[in-house]
Amino acid sequence: MPLDRSKFQKTKAIALYKQFILYEFREVGLFLFEMDNALTAKVSEIEDFAKTMIDSSDREDTRSEFIDNLLEDPYQMGTTFKQLLFNSSFISVFAMFENAIQGICRHSLGEKFQVKHKNIVVGYKKDLENFFKCSLDSDVWNEILLFRGARNKLVHSSLQLTSTKESPMGDELKNFLKKVGHIKFKEDDNFVVSDRRFLEKFCNVAETYLKFVFKEIGSQARKID
């Protein structure tokens, strides 16, 4: 007996799951805002302290020591620490998106669901399309794939930002990153996320796509009700 796809949209569990997913992405924005502001405030605090100590010293050698030691901390806080925060957060948030797609598929397929895809986003999207007999391509789908490429580049630095046989999307990914902005390219063909707005853009794209997925599969479920 085939699974009744119409049950998917009717269950309270799915409605709650949808709200939970969207809530998670909104919480990411709040987390990034608070952490970014905390680091910025710490930078200002250290800089003010360093300036006070430098100005209060009447010995040139002591002043030089303060400059060398104290001014290194705000640089780390404002640059290195923020890059670590934004890079790791982007990797984690993309994993949230993968889990969301996989979770929607798990709730939809029920007993037929299998953990089988290495390429989670593409694989489970295809499973949903096959199950609901619809296309889940949209205006932002290509952006999702390019953000996935950015995530893969951060995790696997050997991937190229210039198109090669091994990395055919290299040029497209680099142009996409330039368009999105809020990153810094490095000399070794890598990049770092330098501003929380990069993650905010991804969260907006991810939320837009997930809303589209829920709308499409809900529409298909109602057709067979």
C-alpha atoms as a PDB file:
ATOM      1  CA  MET A   1       0.000   0.000   0.000  1.00  0.00           C
ATOM      2  CA  PRO A   2       1.609   3.344  -1.022  1.00  0.00           C
ATOM      3  CA  LEU A   3       2.290   5.991   1.593  1.00  0.00           C
ATOM      4  CA  ASP A   4      -0.337   8.716   1.805  1.00  0.00           C
ATOM      5  CA  ARG A   5       1.652  11.871   0.998  1.00  0.00           C
ATOM      6  CA  SER A   6      -1.259  14.045   2.126  1.00  0.00           C
ATOM      7  CA  LYS A   7      -0.601  13.045   5.743  1.00  0.00           C
ATOM      8  CA  PHE A   8       2.651  14.942   5.624  1.00  0.00           C
ATOM      9  CA  GLN A   9       1.116  18.424   5.619  1.00  0.00           C
ATOM     10  CA  LYS A  10      -1.632  17.540   8.104  1.00  0.00           C
ATOM     11  CA  THR A  11       0.492  16.380  11.023  1.00  0.00           C
ATOM     12  CA  LYS A  12       1.123  18.757  13.895  1.00  0.00           C
ATOM     13  CA  ALA A  13       4.651  17.365  14.142  1.00  0.00           C
ATOM     14  CA  ILE A  14       5.538  18.647  10.677  1.00  0.00           C
ATOM     15  CA  ALA A  15       4.001  22.047  11.356  1.00  0.00           C
ATOM     16  CA  LEU A  16       6.062  22.297  14.533  1.00  0.00           C
ATOM     17  CA  TYR A  17       9.171  21.065  12.721  1.00  0.00           C
ATOM     18  CA  LYS A  18       8.752  23.758  10.091  1.00  0.00           C
ATOM     19  CA  GLN A  19       8.498  26.477  12.756  1.00  0.00           C
ATOM     20  CA  PHE A  20      11.487  25.038  14.622  1.00  0.00           C
ATOM     21  CA  ILE A  21      13.678  25.079  11.506  1.00  0.00           C
ATOM     22  CA  LEU A  22      12.829  28.680  10.656  1.00  0.00           C
ATOM     23  CA  TYR A  23      13.281  29.694  14.308  1.00  0.00           C
ATOM     24  CA  GLU A  24      16.776  28.174  14.328  1.00  0.00           C
ATOM     25  CA  PHE A  25      17.903  30.287  11.388  1.00  0.00           C
ATOM     26  CA  ARG A  26      16.532  33.459  12.987  1.00  0.00           C
ATOM     27  CA  GLU A  27      18.384  32.629  16.203  1.00  0.00           C
ATOM     28  CA  VAL A  28      21.645  32.430  14.243  1.00  0.00           C
ATOM     29  CA  GLY A  29      21.280  36.106  13.347  1.00  0.00           C
ATOM     30  CA  LEU A  30      20.836  37.039  17.010  1.00  0.00           C
ATOM     31  CA  PHE A  31      23.827  34.920  18.053  1.00  0.00           C
ATOM     32  CA  LEU A  32      26.086  36.515  15.442  1.00  0.00           C
ATOM     33  CA  PHE A  33      24.904  40.023  16.364  1.00  0.00           C
ATOM     34  CA  GLU A  34      25.664  39.472  20.048  1.00  0.00           C
ATOM     35  CA  MET A  35      29.040  37.794  19.506  1.00  0.00           C
ATOM     36  CA  ASP A  36      30.184  40.351  16.926  1.00  0.00           C
ATOM     37  CA  ASN A  37      29.231  43.232  19.202  1.00  0.00           C
ATOM     38  CA  ALA A  38      30.916  41.576  22.185  1.00  0.00           C
ATOM     39  CA  LEU A  39      34.205  41.252  20.289  1.00  0.00           C
ATOM     40  CA  THR A  40      33.943  44.822  18.990  1.00  0.00           C
ATOM     41  CA  ALA A  41      33.328  46.113  22.524  1.00  0.00           C
ATOM     42  CA  LYS A  42      36.310  44.133  23.813  1.00  0.00           C
ATOM     43  CA  VAL A  43      38.515  45.642  21.107  1.00  0.00           C
ATOM     44  CA  SER A  44      37.492  49.160  22.157  1.00  0.00           C
ATOM     45  CA  GLU A  45      38.093  48.314  25.817  1.00  0.00           C
ATOM     46  CA  ILE A  46      41.611  47.013  25.147  1.00  0.00           C
ATOM     47  CA  GLU A  47      42.457  49.927  22.864  1.00  0.00           C
ATOM     48  CA  ASP A  48      41.313  52.449  25.491  1.00  0.00           C
ATOM     49  CA  PHE A  49      43.356  50.670  28.165  1.00  0.00           C
ATOM     50  CA  ALA A  50      46.413  50.532  25.895  1.00  0.00           C
ATOM     51  CA  LYS A  51      46.129  54.235  25.085  1.00  0.00           C
ATOM     52  CA  THR A  52      45.832  55.109  28.778  1.00  0.00           C
ATOM     53  CA  MET A  53      48.902  53.038  29.689  1.00  0.00           C
ATOM     54  CA  ILE A  54      50.937  54.461  26.810  1.00  0.00           C
ATOM     55  CA  ASP A  55      49.981  58.058  27.590  1.00  0.00           C
ATOM     56  CA  SER A  56      50.728  57.629  31.308  1.00  0.00           C
ATOM     57  CA  SER A  57      54.243  56.316  30.763  1.00  0.00           C
ATOM     58  CA  ASP A  58      57.107  58.804  30.628  1.00  0.00           C
ATOM     59  CA  ARG A  59      59.701  56.253  29.543  1.00  0.00           C
ATOM     60  CA  GLU A  60      60.174  55.658  25.843  1.00  0.00           C
ATOM     61  CA  ASP A  61      61.194  52.015  26.229  1.00  0.00           C
ATOM     62  CA  THR A  62      58.112  51.306  28.334  1.00  0.00           C
ATOM     63  CA  ARG A  63      55.876  53.077  25.833  1.00  0.00           C
ATOM     64  CA  SER A  64      57.308  50.936  23.012  1.00  0.00           C
ATOM     65  CA  GLU A  65      56.711  47.785  25.033  1.00  0.00           C
ATOM     66  CA  PHE A  66      53.084  48.792  25.642  1.00  0.00           C
ATOM     67  CA  ILE A  67      52.582  49.482  21.952  1.00  0.00           C
ATOM     68  CA  ASP A  68      54.090  46.133  20.925  1.00  0.00           C
ATOM     69  CA  ASN A  69      52.214  44.025  23.479  1.00  0.00           C
ATOM     70  CA  LEU A  70      48.901  45.749  24.106  1.00  0.00           C
ATOM     71  CA  LEU A  71      47.985  46.658  20.541  1.00  0.00           C
ATOM     72  CA  GLU A  72      48.388  43.042  19.423  1.00  0.00           C
ATOM     73  CA  ASP A  73      45.349  41.978  21.458  1.00  0.00           C
ATOM     74  CA  PRO A  74      42.766  44.215  19.779  1.00  0.00           C
ATOM     75  CA  TYR A  75      44.080  43.138  16.377  1.00  0.00           C
ATOM     76  CA  GLN A  76      43.517  39.493  17.317  1.00  0.00           C
ATOM     77  CA  MET A  77      40.077  40.243  18.734  1.00  0.00           C
ATOM     78  CA  GLY A  78      38.976  42.357  15.787  1.00  0.00           C
ATOM     79  CA  THR A  79      40.429  40.237  12.999  1.00  0.00           C
ATOM     80  CA  THR A  80      41.584  36.726  13.879  1.00  0.00           C
ATOM     81  CA  PHE A  81      38.905  35.979  16.476  1.00  0.00           C
ATOM     82  CA  LYS A  82      36.111  37.324  14.268  1.00  0.00           C
ATOM     83  CA  GLN A  83      37.294  35.299  11.291  1.00  0.00           C
ATOM     84  CA  LEU A  84      37.331  32.153  13.436  1.00  0.00           C
ATOM     85  CA  LEU A  85      33.834  32.979  14.670  1.00  0.00           C
ATOM     86  CA  PHE A  86      32.398  33.649  11.225  1.00  0.00           C
ATOM     87  CA  ASN A  87      34.146  30.765   9.432  1.00  0.00           C
ATOM     88  CA  SER A  88      33.157  28.143  12.007  1.00  0.00           C
ATOM     89  CA  SER A  89      29.644  29.566  12.301  1.00  0.00           C
ATOM     90  CA  PHE A  90      29.121  29.384   8.530  1.00  0.00           C
ATOM     91  CA  ILE A  91      30.189  25.739   8.483  1.00  0.00           C
ATOM     92  CA  SER A  92      27.814  24.996  11.378  1.00  0.00           C
ATOM     93  CA  VAL A  93      24.902  26.918   9.867  1.00  0.00           C
ATOM     94  CA  PHE A  94      25.261  25.116   6.547  1.00  0.00           C
ATOM     95  CA  ALA A  95      25.150  21.847   8.500  1.00  0.00           C
ATOM     96  CA  MET A  96      21.879  23.109  10.024  1.00  0.00           C
ATOM     97  CA  PHE A  97      20.519  23.551   6.515  1.00  0.00           C
ATOM     98  CA  GLU A  98      21.605  20.033   5.543  1.00  0.00           C
ATOM     99  CA  ASN A  99      19.923  18.649   8.662  1.00  0.00           C
ATOM    100  CA  ALA A 100      16.751  20.559   7.789  1.00  0.00           C
ATOM    101  CA  ILE A 101      16.552  19.061   4.282  1.00  0.00           C
ATOM    102  CA  GLN A 102      17.297  15.609   5.652  1.00  0.00           C
ATOM    103  CA  GLY A 103      14.691  16.049   8.404  1.00  0.00           C
ATOM    104  CA  ILE A 104      11.979  17.097   5.959  1.00  0.00           C
ATOM    105  CA  CYS A 105      12.796  14.022   3.899  1.00  0.00           C
ATOM    106  CA  ARG A 106      12.707  11.763   6.970  1.00  0.00           C
ATOM    107  CA  HIS A 107       9.267  13.032   7.990  1.00  0.00           C
ATOM    108  CA  SER A 108       7.981  12.731   4.421  1.00  0.00           C
ATOM    109  CA  LEU A 109       9.204   9.271   3.496  1.00  0.00           C
ATOM    110  CA  GLY A 110       8.560   7.649   6.876  1.00  0.00           C
ATOM    111  CA  GLU A 111       9.562   3.993   6.743  1.00  0.00           C
ATOM    112  CA  LYS A 112      11.081   4.436   3.293  1.00  0.00           C
ATOM    113  CA  PHE A 113      13.607   7.002   4.510  1.00  0.00           C
ATOM    114  CA  GLN A 114      17.249   5.929   4.350  1.00  0.00           C
ATOM    115  CA  VAL A 115      20.454   7.673   5.395  1.00  0.00           C
ATOM    116  CA  LYS A 116      22.310   7.156   2.150  1.00  0.00           C
ATOM    117  CA  HIS A 117      23.523  10.403   0.595  1.00  0.00           C
ATOM    118  CA  LYS A 118      27.006  11.860   0.949  1.00  0.00           C
ATOM    119  CA  ASN A 119      25.832  14.951  -0.895  1.00  0.00           C
ATOM    120  CA  ILE A 120      23.024  15.633   1.571  1.00  0.00           C
ATOM    121  CA  VAL A 121      21.463  18.715   0.006  1.00  0.00           C
ATOM    122  CA  VAL A 122      21.268  17.393  -3.567  1.00  0.00           C
ATOM    123  CA  GLY A 123      20.504  13.798  -2.589  1.00  0.00           C
ATOM    124  CA  TYR A 124      17.591  14.427  -0.233  1.00  0.00           C
ATOM    125  CA  LYS A 125      16.212  17.174  -2.479  1.00  0.00           C
ATOM    126  CA  LYS A 126      16.019  14.530  -5.217  1.00  0.00           C
ATOM    127  CA  ASP A 127      14.300  12.100  -2.843  1.00  0.00           C
ATOM    128  CA  LEU A 128      11.671  14.732  -2.007  1.00  0.00           C
ATOM    129  CA  GLU A 129      11.137  15.484  -5.704  1.00  0.00           C
ATOM    130  CA  ASN A 130      10.638  11.807  -6.462  1.00  0.00           C
ATOM    131  CA  PHE A 131       8.311  11.286  -3.516  1.00  0.00           C
ATOM    132  CA  PHE A 132       6.110  14.320  -4.141  1.00  0.00           C
ATOM    133  CA  LYS A 133       6.414  14.191  -7.942  1.00  0.00           C
ATOM    134  CA  CYS A 134       7.467  17.841  -8.203  1.00  0.00           C
ATOM    135  CA  SER A 135      10.477  20.031  -8.929  1.00  0.00           C
ATOM    136  CA  LEU A 136      12.194  21.784  -6.036  1.00  0.00           C
ATOM    137  CA  ASP A 137      14.352  23.965  -8.260  1.00  0.00           C
ATOM    138  CA  SER A 138      13.882  27.657  -7.534  1.00  0.00           C
ATOM    139  CA  ASP A 139      15.486  31.059  -8.033  1.00  0.00           C
ATOM    140  CA  VAL A 140      17.747  30.512  -5.017  1.00  0.00           C
ATOM    141  CA  TRP A 141      18.653  26.855  -5.624  1.00  0.00           C
ATOM    142  CA  ASN A 142      21.817  27.760  -7.540  1.00  0.00           C
ATOM    143  CA  GLU A 143      22.810  30.080  -4.684  1.00  0.00           C
ATOM    144  CA  ILE A 144      22.418  27.169  -2.267  1.00  0.00           C
ATOM    145  CA  LEU A 145      24.827  25.124  -4.398  1.00  0.00           C
ATOM    146  CA  LEU A 146      27.344  27.973  -4.495  1.00  0.00           C
ATOM    147  CA  PHE A 147      27.140  28.489  -0.737  1.00  0.00           C
ATOM    148  CA  ARG A 148      27.751  24.758  -0.437  1.00  0.00           C
ATOM    149  CA  GLY A 149      30.841  25.236  -2.604  1.00  0.00           C
ATOM    150  CA  ALA A 150      31.998  27.996  -0.252  1.00  0.00           C
ATOM    151  CA  ARG A 151      31.490  25.715   2.741  1.00  0.00           C
ATOM    152  CA  ASN A 152      33.429  22.931   1.025  1.00  0.00           C
ATOM    153  CA  LYS A 153      36.255  25.357   0.230  1.00  0.00           C
ATOM    154  CA  LEU A 154      36.559  26.364   3.894  1.00  0.00           C
ATOM    155  CA  VAL A 155      36.570  22.719   5.006  1.00  0.00           C
ATOM    156  CA  HIS A 156      38.760  21.382   2.182  1.00  0.00           C
ATOM    157  CA  SER A 157      41.270  24.106   1.349  1.00  0.00           C
ATOM    158  CA  SER A 158      42.677  22.067  -1.558  1.00  0.00           C
ATOM    159  CA  LEU A 159      39.622  22.950  -3.676  1.00  0.00           C
ATOM    160  CA  GLN A 160      40.427  25.584  -6.277  1.00  0.00           C
ATOM    161  CA  LEU A 161      38.858  29.002  -6.795  1.00  0.00           C
ATOM    162  CA  THR A 162      39.922  28.731 -10.419  1.00  0.00           C
ATOM    163  CA  SER A 163      38.086  26.262 -12.655  1.00  0.00           C
ATOM    164  CA  THR A 164      39.986  23.028 -13.198  1.00  0.00           C
ATOM    165  CA  LYS A 165      39.037  19.461 -14.069  1.00  0.00           C
ATOM    166  CA  GLU A 166      38.914  18.678 -10.353  1.00  0.00           C
ATOM    167  CA  SER A 167      37.078  21.927  -9.430  1.00  0.00           C
ATOM    168  CA  PRO A 168      34.867  22.831 -12.419  1.00  0.00           C
ATOM    169  CA  MET A 169      32.891  25.421 -10.421  1.00  0.00           C
ATOM    170  CA  GLY A 170      36.003  27.339  -9.321  1.00  0.00           C
ATOM    171  CA  ASP A 171      35.519  30.490 -11.411  1.00  0.00           C
ATOM    172  CA  GLU A 172      31.767  30.615 -10.796  1.00  0.00           C
ATOM    173  CA  LEU A 173      32.313  30.220  -7.053  1.00  0.00           C
ATOM    174  CA  LYS A 174      34.915  32.993  -6.937  1.00  0.00           C
ATOM    175  CA  ASN A 175      32.629  35.371  -8.836  1.00  0.00           C
ATOM    176  CA  PHE A 176      29.763  34.453  -6.526  1.00  0.00           C
ATOM    177  CA  LEU A 177      31.870  35.166  -3.434  1.00  0.00           C
ATOM    178  CA  LYS A 178      32.850  38.538  -4.857  1.00  0.00           C
ATOM    179  CA  LYS A 179      29.179  39.326  -5.444  1.00  0.00           C
ATOM    180  CA  VAL A 180      28.089  38.265  -1.944  1.00  0.00           C
ATOM    181  CA  GLY A 181      30.987  40.166  -0.373  1.00  0.00           C
ATOM    182  CA  HIS A 182      32.031  40.284   3.272  1.00  0.00           C
ATOM    183  CA  ILE A 183      34.973  37.935   2.677  1.00  0.00           C
ATOM    184  CA  LYS A 184      38.712  38.338   2.204  1.00  0.00           C
ATOM    185  CA  PHE A 185      40.653  36.415  -0.412  1.00  0.00           C
ATOM    186  CA  LYS A 186      44.039  35.079   0.649  1.00  0.00           C
ATOM    187  CA  GLU A 187      47.175  34.690  -1.468  1.00  0.00           C
ATOM    188  CA  ASP A 188      47.014  30.855  -1.313  1.00  0.00           C
ATOM    189  CA  ASP A 189      43.721  30.687  -3.260  1.00  0.00           C
ATOM    190  CA  ASN A 190      41.692  30.522  -0.060  1.00  0.00           C
ATOM    191  CA  PHE A 191      39.318  32.963   1.582  1.00  0.00           C
ATOM    192  CA  VAL A 192      37.967  33.818   5.019  1.00  0.00           C
ATOM    193  CA  VAL A 193      34.581  35.158   6.073  1.00  0.00           C
ATOM    194  CA  SER A 194      35.282  38.634   7.437  1.00  0.00           C
ATOM    195  CA  ASP A 195      31.817  39.936   8.334  1.00  0.00           C
ATOM    196  CA  ARG A 196      28.668  38.459   9.856  1.00  0.00           C
ATOM    197  CA  ARG A 197      26.662  39.813   6.932  1.00  0.00           C
ATOM    198  CA  PHE A 198      27.958  36.928   4.802  1.00  0.00           C
ATOM    199  CA  LEU A 199      26.223  34.505   7.150  1.00  0.00           C
ATOM    200  CA  GLU A 200      23.116  36.678   7.319  1.00  0.00           C
ATOM    201  CA  LYS A 201      22.877  36.489   3.530  1.00  0.00           C
ATOM    202  CA  PHE A 202      23.155  32.714   3.626  1.00  0.00           C
ATOM    203  CA  CYS A 203      20.518  32.458   6.360  1.00  0.00           C
ATOM    204  CA  ASN A 204      18.142  34.552   4.239  1.00  0.00           C
ATOM    205  CA  VAL A 205      18.736  32.333   1.207  1.00  0.00           C
ATOM    206  CA  ALA A 206      18.367  29.142   3.269  1.00  0.00           C
ATOM    207  CA  GLU A 207      15.153  30.352   4.922  1.00  0.00           C
ATOM    208  CA  THR A 208      13.723  31.405   1.552  1.00  0.00           C
ATOM    209  CA  TYR A 209      14.466  28.006   0.046  1.00  0.00           C
ATOM    210  CA  LEU A 210      13.064  26.045   3.003  1.00  0.00           C
ATOM    211  CA  LYS A 211       9.819  28.046   2.884  1.00  0.00           C
ATOM    212  CA  PHE A 212       9.625  27.244  -0.828  1.00  0.00           C
ATOM    213  CA  VAL A 213      10.159  23.516  -0.149  1.00  0.00           C
ATOM    214  CA  PHE A 214       7.406  23.409   2.479  1.00  0.00           C
ATOM    215  CA  LYS A 215       5.045  25.294   0.170  1.00  0.00           C
ATOM    216  CA  GLU A 216       5.702  23.021  -2.817  1.00  0.00           C
ATOM    217  CA  ILE A 217       5.415  19.696  -1.002  1.00  0.00           C
ATOM    218  CA  GLY A 218       2.351  20.971   0.866  1.00  0.00           C
ATOM    219  CA  SER A 219       0.739  21.893  -2.435  1.00  0.00           C
ATOM    220  CA  GLN A 220       1.538  18.495  -3.922  1.00  0.00           C
ATOM    221  CA  ALA A 221       0.174  16.729  -0.826  1.00  0.00           C
ATOM    222  CA  ARG A 222      -3.152  18.583  -1.075  1.00  0.00           C
ATOM    223  CA  LYS A 223      -3.527  17.561  -4.735  1.00  0.00           C
ATOM    224  CA  ILE A 224      -3.635  13.892  -3.778  1.00  0.00           C
ATOM    225  CA  ASP A 225      -5.736  14.347  -0.645  1.00  0.00           C
END
